Amino acid sequence: KHLVMGTGFTWDTQDREKDIAAAEAVWS
């Protein structure tokens, strides 16, 4: 089983809210 956050590096997204949402989603 392989789960990936999928947003890439923080310097690529440059979107804190999007990163937090993605982190919370994969952690859940």
mmCIF file of all heavy atoms, coordinates in Angstrom:
data_MODEL
# 
_entry.id   MODEL 
# 
loop_
_atom_site.group_PDB 
_atom_site.id 
_atom_site.type_symbol 
_atom_site.label_atom_id 
_atom_site.label_alt_id 
_atom_site.label_comp_id 
_atom_site.label_asym_id 
_atom_site.label_entity_id 
_atom_site.label_seq_id 
_atom_site.pdbx_PDB_ins_code 
_atom_site.Cartn_x 
_atom_site.Cartn_y 
_atom_site.Cartn_z 
_atom_site.occupancy 
_atom_site.B_iso_or_equiv 
_atom_site.pdbx_formal_charge 
_atom_site.auth_seq_id 
_atom_site.auth_comp_id 
_atom_site.auth_asym_id 
_atom_site.auth_atom_id 
_atom_site.pdbx_PDB_model_num 
ATOM 1   N N   . LYS A 1 1  ? 0.869  -1.192 0.000  1.00 0.00 ? 1  LYS A N   1 
ATOM 2   C CA  . LYS A 1 1  ? 0.000  0.000  0.000  1.00 0.00 ? 1  LYS A CA  1 
ATOM 3   C C   . LYS A 1 1  ? 0.895  1.228  0.000  1.00 0.00 ? 1  LYS A C   1 
ATOM 4   O O   . LYS A 1 1  ? 1.811  1.340  0.807  1.00 0.00 ? 1  LYS A O   1 
ATOM 5   C CB  . LYS A 1 1  ? -0.906 0.005  1.223  1.00 0.00 ? 1  LYS A CB  1 
ATOM 6   C CG  . LYS A 1 1  ? -1.957 1.111  1.165  1.00 0.00 ? 1  LYS A CG  1 
ATOM 7   C CD  . LYS A 1 1  ? -3.010 0.923  2.222  1.00 0.00 ? 1  LYS A CD  1 
ATOM 8   C CE  . LYS A 1 1  ? -4.146 1.917  2.080  1.00 0.00 ? 1  LYS A CE  1 
ATOM 9   N NZ  . LYS A 1 1  ? -4.945 1.704  0.872  1.00 0.00 ? 1  LYS A NZ  1 
ATOM 10  N N   . HIS A 1 2  ? 0.631  2.158  -0.917 1.00 0.00 ? 2  HIS A N   1 
ATOM 11  C CA  . HIS A 1 2  ? 1.526  3.303  -1.098 1.00 0.00 ? 2  HIS A CA  1 
ATOM 12  C C   . HIS A 1 2  ? 0.702  4.579  -1.219 1.00 0.00 ? 2  HIS A C   1 
ATOM 13  O O   . HIS A 1 2  ? -0.051 4.745  -2.185 1.00 0.00 ? 2  HIS A O   1 
ATOM 14  C CB  . HIS A 1 2  ? 2.369  3.088  -2.358 1.00 0.00 ? 2  HIS A CB  1 
ATOM 15  C CG  . HIS A 1 2  ? 3.500  4.045  -2.493 1.00 0.00 ? 2  HIS A CG  1 
ATOM 16  N ND1 . HIS A 1 2  ? 4.255  4.139  -3.628 1.00 0.00 ? 2  HIS A ND1 1 
ATOM 17  C CD2 . HIS A 1 2  ? 4.014  4.953  -1.641 1.00 0.00 ? 2  HIS A CD2 1 
ATOM 18  C CE1 . HIS A 1 2  ? 5.186  5.066  -3.475 1.00 0.00 ? 2  HIS A CE1 1 
ATOM 19  N NE2 . HIS A 1 2  ? 5.049  5.577  -2.276 1.00 0.00 ? 2  HIS A NE2 1 
ATOM 20  N N   . LEU A 1 3  ? 0.831  5.447  -0.238 1.00 0.00 ? 3  LEU A N   1 
ATOM 21  C CA  . LEU A 1 3  ? 0.126  6.728  -0.241 1.00 0.00 ? 3  LEU A CA  1 
ATOM 22  C C   . LEU A 1 3  ? 1.134  7.840  -0.477 1.00 0.00 ? 3  LEU A C   1 
ATOM 23  O O   . LEU A 1 3  ? 2.211  7.838  0.108  1.00 0.00 ? 3  LEU A O   1 
ATOM 24  C CB  . LEU A 1 3  ? -0.573 6.950  1.106  1.00 0.00 ? 3  LEU A CB  1 
ATOM 25  C CG  . LEU A 1 3  ? -1.536 5.856  1.569  1.00 0.00 ? 3  LEU A CG  1 
ATOM 26  C CD1 . LEU A 1 3  ? -2.026 6.144  2.976  1.00 0.00 ? 3  LEU A CD1 1 
ATOM 27  C CD2 . LEU A 1 3  ? -2.705 5.730  0.601  1.00 0.00 ? 3  LEU A CD2 1 
ATOM 28  N N   . VAL A 1 4  ? 0.772  8.795  -1.322 1.00 0.00 ? 4  VAL A N   1 
ATOM 29  C CA  . VAL A 1 4  ? 1.677  9.899  -1.657 1.00 0.00 ? 4  VAL A CA  1 
ATOM 30  C C   . VAL A 1 4  ? 0.954  11.221 -1.460 1.00 0.00 ? 4  VAL A C   1 
ATOM 31  O O   . VAL A 1 4  ? -0.182 11.400 -1.920 1.00 0.00 ? 4  VAL A O   1 
ATOM 32  C CB  . VAL A 1 4  ? 2.173  9.794  -3.113 1.00 0.00 ? 4  VAL A CB  1 
ATOM 33  C CG1 . VAL A 1 4  ? 3.135  10.930 -3.441 1.00 0.00 ? 4  VAL A CG1 1 
ATOM 34  C CG2 . VAL A 1 4  ? 2.839  8.453  -3.365 1.00 0.00 ? 4  VAL A CG2 1 
ATOM 35  N N   . MET A 1 5  ? 1.620  12.150 -0.784 1.00 0.00 ? 5  MET A N   1 
ATOM 36  C CA  . MET A 1 5  ? 1.025  13.469 -0.544 1.00 0.00 ? 5  MET A CA  1 
ATOM 37  C C   . MET A 1 5  ? 0.722  14.170 -1.871 1.00 0.00 ? 5  MET A C   1 
ATOM 38  O O   . MET A 1 5  ? -0.319 14.788 -2.036 1.00 0.00 ? 5  MET A O   1 
ATOM 39  C CB  . MET A 1 5  ? 1.976  14.304 0.314  1.00 0.00 ? 5  MET A CB  1 
ATOM 40  C CG  . MET A 1 5  ? 1.424  15.651 0.729  1.00 0.00 ? 5  MET A CG  1 
ATOM 41  S SD  . MET A 1 5  ? 2.473  16.376 2.008  1.00 0.00 ? 5  MET A SD  1 
ATOM 42  C CE  . MET A 1 5  ? 2.132  18.104 1.775  1.00 0.00 ? 5  MET A CE  1 
ATOM 43  N N   . GLY A 1 6  ? 1.652  14.074 -2.829 1.00 0.00 ? 6  GLY A N   1 
ATOM 44  C CA  . GLY A 1 6  ? 1.360  14.492 -4.193 1.00 0.00 ? 6  GLY A CA  1 
ATOM 45  C C   . GLY A 1 6  ? 1.486  15.956 -4.538 1.00 0.00 ? 6  GLY A C   1 
ATOM 46  O O   . GLY A 1 6  ? 1.170  16.351 -5.655 1.00 0.00 ? 6  GLY A O   1 
ATOM 47  N N   . THR A 1 7  ? 1.966  16.778 -3.615 1.00 0.00 ? 7  THR A N   1 
ATOM 48  C CA  . THR A 1 7  ? 2.083  18.208 -3.924 1.00 0.00 ? 7  THR A CA  1 
ATOM 49  C C   . THR A 1 7  ? 3.497  18.616 -4.303 1.00 0.00 ? 7  THR A C   1 
ATOM 50  O O   . THR A 1 7  ? 3.714  19.728 -4.768 1.00 0.00 ? 7  THR A O   1 
ATOM 51  C CB  . THR A 1 7  ? 1.641  19.060 -2.720 1.00 0.00 ? 7  THR A CB  1 
ATOM 52  O OG1 . THR A 1 7  ? 2.397  18.669 -1.576 1.00 0.00 ? 7  THR A OG1 1 
ATOM 53  C CG2 . THR A 1 7  ? 0.161  18.893 -2.453 1.00 0.00 ? 7  THR A CG2 1 
ATOM 54  N N   . GLY A 1 8  ? 4.466  17.743 -4.086 1.00 0.00 ? 8  GLY A N   1 
ATOM 55  C CA  . GLY A 1 8  ? 5.846  18.090 -4.405 1.00 0.00 ? 8  GLY A CA  1 
ATOM 56  C C   . GLY A 1 8  ? 6.505  18.860 -3.286 1.00 0.00 ? 8  GLY A C   1 
ATOM 57  O O   . GLY A 1 8  ? 6.047  18.862 -2.142 1.00 0.00 ? 8  GLY A O   1 
ATOM 58  N N   . PHE A 1 9  ? 7.605  19.514 -3.603 1.00 0.00 ? 9  PHE A N   1 
ATOM 59  C CA  . PHE A 1 9  ? 8.356  20.269 -2.605 1.00 0.00 ? 9  PHE A CA  1 
ATOM 60  C C   . PHE A 1 9  ? 7.638  21.575 -2.261 1.00 0.00 ? 9  PHE A C   1 
ATOM 61  O O   . PHE A 1 9  ? 6.921  22.143 -3.097 1.00 0.00 ? 9  PHE A O   1 
ATOM 62  C CB  . PHE A 1 9  ? 9.765  20.578 -3.125 1.00 0.00 ? 9  PHE A CB  1 
ATOM 63  C CG  . PHE A 1 9  ? 10.578 19.340 -3.379 1.00 0.00 ? 9  PHE A CG  1 
ATOM 64  C CD1 . PHE A 1 9  ? 10.808 18.889 -4.663 1.00 0.00 ? 9  PHE A CD1 1 
ATOM 65  C CD2 . PHE A 1 9  ? 11.096 18.602 -2.319 1.00 0.00 ? 9  PHE A CD2 1 
ATOM 66  C CE1 . PHE A 1 9  ? 11.556 17.751 -4.902 1.00 0.00 ? 9  PHE A CE1 1 
ATOM 67  C CE2 . PHE A 1 9  ? 11.839 17.456 -2.546 1.00 0.00 ? 9  PHE A CE2 1 
ATOM 68  C CZ  . PHE A 1 9  ? 12.066 17.027 -3.842 1.00 0.00 ? 9  PHE A CZ  1 
ATOM 69  N N   . THR A 1 10 ? 7.848  22.050 -1.043 1.00 0.00 ? 10 THR A N   1 
ATOM 70  C CA  . THR A 1 10 ? 7.169  23.271 -0.601 1.00 0.00 ? 10 THR A CA  1 
ATOM 71  C C   . THR A 1 10 ? 7.526  24.469 -1.471 1.00 0.00 ? 10 THR A C   1 
ATOM 72  O O   . THR A 1 10 ? 6.715  25.368 -1.649 1.00 0.00 ? 10 THR A O   1 
ATOM 73  C CB  . THR A 1 10 ? 7.523  23.583 0.861  1.00 0.00 ? 10 THR A CB  1 
ATOM 74  O OG1 . THR A 1 10 ? 8.946  23.590 0.994  1.00 0.00 ? 10 THR A OG1 1 
ATOM 75  C CG2 . THR A 1 10 ? 6.942  22.552 1.795  1.00 0.00 ? 10 THR A CG2 1 
ATOM 76  N N   . TRP A 1 11 ? 8.745  24.481 -2.015 1.00 0.00 ? 11 TRP A N   1 
ATOM 77  C CA  . TRP A 1 11 ? 9.137  25.608 -2.854 1.00 0.00 ? 11 TRP A CA  1 
ATOM 78  C C   . TRP A 1 11 ? 8.505  25.520 -4.248 1.00 0.00 ? 11 TRP A C   1 
ATOM 79  O O   . TRP A 1 11 ? 8.536  26.481 -5.002 1.00 0.00 ? 11 TRP A O   1 
ATOM 80  C CB  . TRP A 1 11 ? 10.661 25.711 -2.969 1.00 0.00 ? 11 TRP A CB  1 
ATOM 81  C CG  . TRP A 1 11 ? 11.332 24.480 -3.512 1.00 0.00 ? 11 TRP A CG  1 
ATOM 82  C CD1 . TRP A 1 11 ? 11.475 24.113 -4.811 1.00 0.00 ? 11 TRP A CD1 1 
ATOM 83  C CD2 . TRP A 1 11 ? 11.967 23.465 -2.743 1.00 0.00 ? 11 TRP A CD2 1 
ATOM 84  N NE1 . TRP A 1 11 ? 12.147 22.925 -4.909 1.00 0.00 ? 11 TRP A NE1 1 
ATOM 85  C CE2 . TRP A 1 11 ? 12.478 22.496 -3.649 1.00 0.00 ? 11 TRP A CE2 1 
ATOM 86  C CE3 . TRP A 1 11 ? 12.165 23.261 -1.367 1.00 0.00 ? 11 TRP A CE3 1 
ATOM 87  C CZ2 . TRP A 1 11 ? 13.152 21.354 -3.238 1.00 0.00 ? 11 TRP A CZ2 1 
ATOM 88  C CZ3 . TRP A 1 11 ? 12.837 22.121 -0.960 1.00 0.00 ? 11 TRP A CZ3 1 
ATOM 89  C CH2 . TRP A 1 11 ? 13.325 21.186 -1.883 1.00 0.00 ? 11 TRP A CH2 1 
ATOM 90  N N   . ASP A 1 12 ? 7.942  24.354 -4.581 1.00 0.00 ? 12 ASP A N   1 
ATOM 91  C CA  . ASP A 1 12 ? 7.231  24.224 -5.856 1.00 0.00 ? 12 ASP A CA  1 
ATOM 92  C C   . ASP A 1 12 ? 5.793  24.715 -5.735 1.00 0.00 ? 12 ASP A C   1 
ATOM 93  O O   . ASP A 1 12 ? 5.295  25.428 -6.604 1.00 0.00 ? 12 ASP A O   1 
ATOM 94  C CB  . ASP A 1 12 ? 7.225  22.766 -6.321 1.00 0.00 ? 12 ASP A CB  1 
ATOM 95  C CG  . ASP A 1 12 ? 8.590  22.304 -6.809 1.00 0.00 ? 12 ASP A CG  1 
ATOM 96  O OD1 . ASP A 1 12 ? 9.353  23.159 -7.301 1.00 0.00 ? 12 ASP A OD1 1 
ATOM 97  O OD2 . ASP A 1 12 ? 8.894  21.109 -6.683 1.00 0.00 ? 12 ASP A OD2 1 
ATOM 98  N N   . THR A 1 13 ? 5.106  24.329 -4.678 1.00 0.00 ? 13 THR A N   1 
ATOM 99  C CA  . THR A 1 13 ? 3.705  24.716 -4.532 1.00 0.00 ? 13 THR A CA  1 
ATOM 100 C C   . THR A 1 13 ? 3.558  26.182 -4.170 1.00 0.00 ? 13 THR A C   1 
ATOM 101 O O   . THR A 1 13 ? 2.679  26.869 -4.688 1.00 0.00 ? 13 THR A O   1 
ATOM 102 C CB  . THR A 1 13 ? 3.013  23.883 -3.440 1.00 0.00 ? 13 THR A CB  1 
ATOM 103 O OG1 . THR A 1 13 ? 3.641  24.146 -2.180 1.00 0.00 ? 13 THR A OG1 1 
ATOM 104 C CG2 . THR A 1 13 ? 3.083  22.401 -3.738 1.00 0.00 ? 13 THR A CG2 1 
ATOM 105 N N   . GLN A 1 14 ? 4.387  26.630 -3.244 1.00 0.00 ? 14 GLN A N   1 
ATOM 106 C CA  . GLN A 1 14 ? 4.331  28.020 -2.752 1.00 0.00 ? 14 GLN A CA  1 
ATOM 107 C C   . GLN A 1 14 ? 2.934  28.382 -2.254 1.00 0.00 ? 14 GLN A C   1 
ATOM 108 O O   . GLN A 1 14 ? 2.482  29.520 -2.367 1.00 0.00 ? 14 GLN A O   1 
ATOM 109 C CB  . GLN A 1 14 ? 4.801  28.993 -3.853 1.00 0.00 ? 14 GLN A CB  1 
ATOM 110 C CG  . GLN A 1 14 ? 6.214  28.722 -4.311 1.00 0.00 ? 14 GLN A CG  1 
ATOM 111 C CD  . GLN A 1 14 ? 6.655  29.592 -5.460 1.00 0.00 ? 14 GLN A CD  1 
ATOM 112 O OE1 . GLN A 1 14 ? 6.090  30.658 -5.717 1.00 0.00 ? 14 GLN A OE1 1 
ATOM 113 N NE2 . GLN A 1 14 ? 7.684  29.155 -6.168 1.00 0.00 ? 14 GLN A NE2 1 
ATOM 114 N N   . ASP A 1 15 ? 2.247  27.383 -1.730 1.00 0.00 ? 15 ASP A N   1 
ATOM 115 C CA  . ASP A 1 15 ? 0.868  27.559 -1.276 1.00 0.00 ? 15 ASP A CA  1 
ATOM 116 C C   . ASP A 1 15 ? 0.704  26.819 0.051  1.00 0.00 ? 15 ASP A C   1 
ATOM 117 O O   . ASP A 1 15 ? 0.441  25.618 0.071  1.00 0.00 ? 15 ASP A O   1 
ATOM 118 C CB  . ASP A 1 15 ? -0.094 27.015 -2.324 1.00 0.00 ? 15 ASP A CB  1 
ATOM 119 C CG  . ASP A 1 15 ? -1.556 27.301 -1.999 1.00 0.00 ? 15 ASP A CG  1 
ATOM 120 O OD1 . ASP A 1 15 ? -1.896 27.442 -0.804 1.00 0.00 ? 15 ASP A OD1 1 
ATOM 121 O OD2 . ASP A 1 15 ? -2.370 27.369 -2.941 1.00 0.00 ? 15 ASP A OD2 1 
ATOM 122 N N   . ARG A 1 16 ? 0.857  27.540 1.145  1.00 0.00 ? 16 ARG A N   1 
ATOM 123 C CA  . ARG A 1 16 ? 0.843  26.919 2.469  1.00 0.00 ? 16 ARG A CA  1 
ATOM 124 C C   . ARG A 1 16 ? -0.479 26.201 2.768  1.00 0.00 ? 16 ARG A C   1 
ATOM 125 O O   . ARG A 1 16 ? -0.486 25.084 3.276  1.00 0.00 ? 16 ARG A O   1 
ATOM 126 C CB  . ARG A 1 16 ? 1.125  27.976 3.542  1.00 0.00 ? 16 ARG A CB  1 
ATOM 127 C CG  . ARG A 1 16 ? 1.109  27.439 4.961  1.00 0.00 ? 16 ARG A CG  1 
ATOM 128 C CD  . ARG A 1 16 ? 1.488  28.525 5.974  1.00 0.00 ? 16 ARG A CD  1 
ATOM 129 N NE  . ARG A 1 16 ? 1.239  28.065 7.330  1.00 0.00 ? 16 ARG A NE  1 
ATOM 130 C CZ  . ARG A 1 16 ? 2.035  27.251 8.005  1.00 0.00 ? 16 ARG A CZ  1 
ATOM 131 N NH1 . ARG A 1 16 ? 3.136  26.796 7.435  1.00 0.00 ? 16 ARG A NH1 1 
ATOM 132 N NH2 . ARG A 1 16 ? 1.741  26.886 9.235  1.00 0.00 ? 16 ARG A NH2 1 
ATOM 133 N N   . GLU A 1 17 ? -1.585 26.842 2.450  1.00 0.00 ? 17 GLU A N   1 
ATOM 134 C CA  . GLU A 1 17 ? -2.884 26.237 2.747  1.00 0.00 ? 17 GLU A CA  1 
ATOM 135 C C   . GLU A 1 17 ? -3.088 24.941 1.963  1.00 0.00 ? 17 GLU A C   1 
ATOM 136 O O   . GLU A 1 17 ? -3.615 23.956 2.485  1.00 0.00 ? 17 GLU A O   1 
ATOM 137 C CB  . GLU A 1 17 ? -4.004 27.234 2.430  1.00 0.00 ? 17 GLU A CB  1 
ATOM 138 C CG  . GLU A 1 17 ? -4.003 28.467 3.330  1.00 0.00 ? 17 GLU A CG  1 
ATOM 139 C CD  . GLU A 1 17 ? -4.006 28.109 4.809  1.00 0.00 ? 17 GLU A CD  1 
ATOM 140 O OE1 . GLU A 1 17 ? -4.814 27.252 5.206  1.00 0.00 ? 17 GLU A OE1 1 
ATOM 141 O OE2 . GLU A 1 17 ? -3.192 28.670 5.558  1.00 0.00 ? 17 GLU A OE2 1 
ATOM 142 N N   . LYS A 1 18 ? -2.665 24.947 0.709  1.00 0.00 ? 18 LYS A N   1 
ATOM 143 C CA  . LYS A 1 18 ? -2.774 23.746 -0.113 1.00 0.00 ? 18 LYS A CA  1 
ATOM 144 C C   . LYS A 1 18 ? -1.894 22.628 0.465  1.00 0.00 ? 18 LYS A C   1 
ATOM 145 O O   . LYS A 1 18 ? -2.306 21.462 0.509  1.00 0.00 ? 18 LYS A O   1 
ATOM 146 C CB  . LYS A 1 18 ? -2.358 24.060 -1.550 1.00 0.00 ? 18 LYS A CB  1 
ATOM 147 C CG  . LYS A 1 18 ? -2.443 22.865 -2.486 1.00 0.00 ? 18 LYS A CG  1 
ATOM 148 C CD  . LYS A 1 18 ? -2.020 23.256 -3.896 1.00 0.00 ? 18 LYS A CD  1 
ATOM 149 C CE  . LYS A 1 18 ? -2.048 22.050 -4.838 1.00 0.00 ? 18 LYS A CE  1 
ATOM 150 N NZ  . LYS A 1 18 ? -1.592 22.405 -6.193 1.00 0.00 ? 18 LYS A NZ  1 
ATOM 151 N N   . ASP A 1 19 ? -0.692 22.978 0.909  1.00 0.00 ? 19 ASP A N   1 
ATOM 152 C CA  . ASP A 1 19 ? 0.221  21.988 1.484  1.00 0.00 ? 19 ASP A CA  1 
ATOM 153 C C   . ASP A 1 19 ? -0.343 21.397 2.777  1.00 0.00 ? 19 ASP A C   1 
ATOM 154 O O   . ASP A 1 19 ? -0.256 20.188 3.003  1.00 0.00 ? 19 ASP A O   1 
ATOM 155 C CB  . ASP A 1 19 ? 1.587  22.619 1.764  1.00 0.00 ? 19 ASP A CB  1 
ATOM 156 C CG  . ASP A 1 19 ? 2.380  22.881 0.490  1.00 0.00 ? 19 ASP A CG  1 
ATOM 157 O OD1 . ASP A 1 19 ? 2.055  22.272 -0.548 1.00 0.00 ? 19 ASP A OD1 1 
ATOM 158 O OD2 . ASP A 1 19 ? 3.322  23.687 0.536  1.00 0.00 ? 19 ASP A OD2 1 
ATOM 159 N N   . ILE A 1 20 ? -0.914 22.254 3.612  1.00 0.00 ? 20 ILE A N   1 
ATOM 160 C CA  . ILE A 1 20 ? -1.490 21.781 4.875  1.00 0.00 ? 20 ILE A CA  1 
ATOM 161 C C   . ILE A 1 20 ? -2.646 20.830 4.593  1.00 0.00 ? 20 ILE A C   1 
ATOM 162 O O   . ILE A 1 20 ? -2.744 19.753 5.201  1.00 0.00 ? 20 ILE A O   1 
ATOM 163 C CB  . ILE A 1 20 ? -1.954 22.969 5.747  1.00 0.00 ? 20 ILE A CB  1 
ATOM 164 C CG1 . ILE A 1 20 ? -0.739 23.745 6.271  1.00 0.00 ? 20 ILE A CG1 1 
ATOM 165 C CG2 . ILE A 1 20 ? -2.820 22.477 6.907  1.00 0.00 ? 20 ILE A CG2 1 
ATOM 166 C CD1 . ILE A 1 20 ? -1.098 25.026 6.993  1.00 0.00 ? 20 ILE A CD1 1 
ATOM 167 N N   . ALA A 1 21 ? -3.501 21.198 3.652  1.00 0.00 ? 21 ALA A N   1 
ATOM 168 C CA  . ALA A 1 21 ? -4.647 20.353 3.311  1.00 0.00 ? 21 ALA A CA  1 
ATOM 169 C C   . ALA A 1 21 ? -4.181 19.002 2.771  1.00 0.00 ? 21 ALA A C   1 
ATOM 170 O O   . ALA A 1 21 ? -4.739 17.952 3.120  1.00 0.00 ? 21 ALA A O   1 
ATOM 171 C CB  . ALA A 1 21 ? -5.533 21.058 2.280  1.00 0.00 ? 21 ALA A CB  1 
ATOM 172 N N   . ALA A 1 22 ? -3.140 19.019 1.937  1.00 0.00 ? 22 ALA A N   1 
ATOM 173 C CA  . ALA A 1 22 ? -2.622 17.772 1.374  1.00 0.00 ? 22 ALA A CA  1 
ATOM 174 C C   . ALA A 1 22 ? -1.992 16.898 2.457  1.00 0.00 ? 22 ALA A C   1 
ATOM 175 O O   . ALA A 1 22 ? -2.163 15.675 2.463  1.00 0.00 ? 22 ALA A O   1 
ATOM 176 C CB  . ALA A 1 22 ? -1.604 18.085 0.283  1.00 0.00 ? 22 ALA A CB  1 
ATOM 177 N N   . ALA A 1 23 ? -1.258 17.532 3.379  1.00 0.00 ? 23 ALA A N   1 
ATOM 178 C CA  . ALA A 1 23 ? -0.626 16.785 4.471  1.00 0.00 ? 23 ALA A CA  1 
ATOM 179 C C   . ALA A 1 23 ? -1.684 16.146 5.364  1.00 0.00 ? 23 ALA A C   1 
ATOM 180 O O   . ALA A 1 23 ? -1.563 14.965 5.749  1.00 0.00 ? 23 ALA A O   1 
ATOM 181 C CB  . ALA A 1 23 ? 0.272  17.715 5.294  1.00 0.00 ? 23 ALA A CB  1 
ATOM 182 N N   . GLU A 1 24 ? -2.698 16.913 5.698  1.00 0.00 ? 24 GLU A N   1 
ATOM 183 C CA  . GLU A 1 24 ? -3.771 16.390 6.557  1.00 0.00 ? 24 GLU A CA  1 
ATOM 184 C C   . GLU A 1 24 ? -4.529 15.262 5.862  1.00 0.00 ? 24 GLU A C   1 
ATOM 185 O O   . GLU A 1 24 ? -4.907 14.270 6.498  1.00 0.00 ? 24 GLU A O   1 
ATOM 186 C CB  . GLU A 1 24 ? -4.724 17.517 6.945  1.00 0.00 ? 24 GLU A CB  1 
ATOM 187 C CG  . GLU A 1 24 ? -4.103 18.515 7.906  1.00 0.00 ? 24 GLU A CG  1 
ATOM 188 C CD  . GLU A 1 24 ? -5.017 19.692 8.205  1.00 0.00 ? 24 GLU A CD  1 
ATOM 189 O OE1 . GLU A 1 24 ? -5.991 19.920 7.438  1.00 0.00 ? 24 GLU A OE1 1 
ATOM 190 O OE2 . GLU A 1 24 ? -4.750 20.407 9.204  1.00 0.00 ? 24 GLU A OE2 1 
ATOM 191 N N   . ALA A 1 25 ? -4.713 15.387 4.548  1.00 0.00 ? 25 ALA A N   1 
ATOM 192 C CA  . ALA A 1 25 ? -5.450 14.367 3.795  1.00 0.00 ? 25 ALA A CA  1 
ATOM 193 C C   . ALA A 1 25 ? -4.701 13.045 3.778  1.00 0.00 ? 25 ALA A C   1 
ATOM 194 O O   . ALA A 1 25 ? -5.277 11.980 4.031  1.00 0.00 ? 25 ALA A O   1 
ATOM 195 C CB  . ALA A 1 25 ? -5.705 14.853 2.372  1.00 0.00 ? 25 ALA A CB  1 
ATOM 196 N N   . VAL A 1 26 ? -3.394 13.102 3.489  1.00 0.00 ? 26 VAL A N   1 
ATOM 197 C CA  . VAL A 1 26 ? -2.636 11.843 3.426  1.00 0.00 ? 26 VAL A CA  1 
ATOM 198 C C   . VAL A 1 26 ? -2.439 11.259 4.831  1.00 0.00 ? 26 VAL A C   1 
ATOM 199 O O   . VAL A 1 26 ? -2.450 10.037 5.019  1.00 0.00 ? 26 VAL A O   1 
ATOM 200 C CB  . VAL A 1 26 ? -1.296 12.030 2.679  1.00 0.00 ? 26 VAL A CB  1 
ATOM 201 C CG1 . VAL A 1 26 ? -0.259 12.746 3.538  1.00 0.00 ? 26 VAL A CG1 1 
ATOM 202 C CG2 . VAL A 1 26 ? -0.748 10.685 2.209  1.00 0.00 ? 26 VAL A CG2 1 
ATOM 203 N N   . TRP A 1 27 ? -2.292 12.124 5.835  1.00 0.00 ? 27 TRP A N   1 
ATOM 204 C CA  . TRP A 1 27 ? -2.159 11.628 7.204  1.00 0.00 ? 27 TRP A CA  1 
ATOM 205 C C   . TRP A 1 27 ? -3.443 10.930 7.656  1.00 0.00 ? 27 TRP A C   1 
ATOM 206 O O   . TRP A 1 27 ? -3.395 9.894  8.326  1.00 0.00 ? 27 TRP A O   1 
ATOM 207 C CB  . TRP A 1 27 ? -1.787 12.755 8.164  1.00 0.00 ? 27 TRP A CB  1 
ATOM 208 C CG  . TRP A 1 27 ? -1.785 12.335 9.609  1.00 0.00 ? 27 TRP A CG  1 
ATOM 209 C CD1 . TRP A 1 27 ? -2.574 12.807 10.606 1.00 0.00 ? 27 TRP A CD1 1 
ATOM 210 C CD2 . TRP A 1 27 ? -0.957 11.335 10.209 1.00 0.00 ? 27 TRP A CD2 1 
ATOM 211 N NE1 . TRP A 1 27 ? -2.300 12.167 11.793 1.00 0.00 ? 27 TRP A NE1 1 
ATOM 212 C CE2 . TRP A 1 27 ? -1.309 11.253 11.580 1.00 0.00 ? 27 TRP A CE2 1 
ATOM 213 C CE3 . TRP A 1 27 ? 0.048  10.494 9.730  1.00 0.00 ? 27 TRP A CE3 1 
ATOM 214 C CZ2 . TRP A 1 27 ? -0.694 10.376 12.467 1.00 0.00 ? 27 TRP A CZ2 1 
ATOM 215 C CZ3 . TRP A 1 27 ? 0.667  9.606  10.614 1.00 0.00 ? 27 TRP A CZ3 1 
ATOM 216 C CH2 . TRP A 1 27 ? 0.289  9.558  11.958 1.00 0.00 ? 27 TRP A CH2 1 
ATOM 217 N N   . SER A 1 28 ? -4.595 11.474 7.276  1.00 0.00 ? 28 SER A N   1 
ATOM 218 C CA  . SER A 1 28 ? -5.868 10.848 7.663  1.00 0.00 ? 28 SER A CA  1 
ATOM 219 C C   . SER A 1 28 ? -5.996 9.450  7.062  1.00 0.00 ? 28 SER A C   1 
ATOM 220 O O   . SER A 1 28 ? -6.626 8.564  7.649  1.00 0.00 ? 28 SER A O   1 
ATOM 221 C CB  . SER A 1 28 ? -7.057 11.715 7.225  1.00 0.00 ? 28 SER A CB  1 
ATOM 222 O OG  . SER A 1 28 ? -7.204 11.710 5.821  1.00 0.00 ? 28 SER A OG  1 
# 
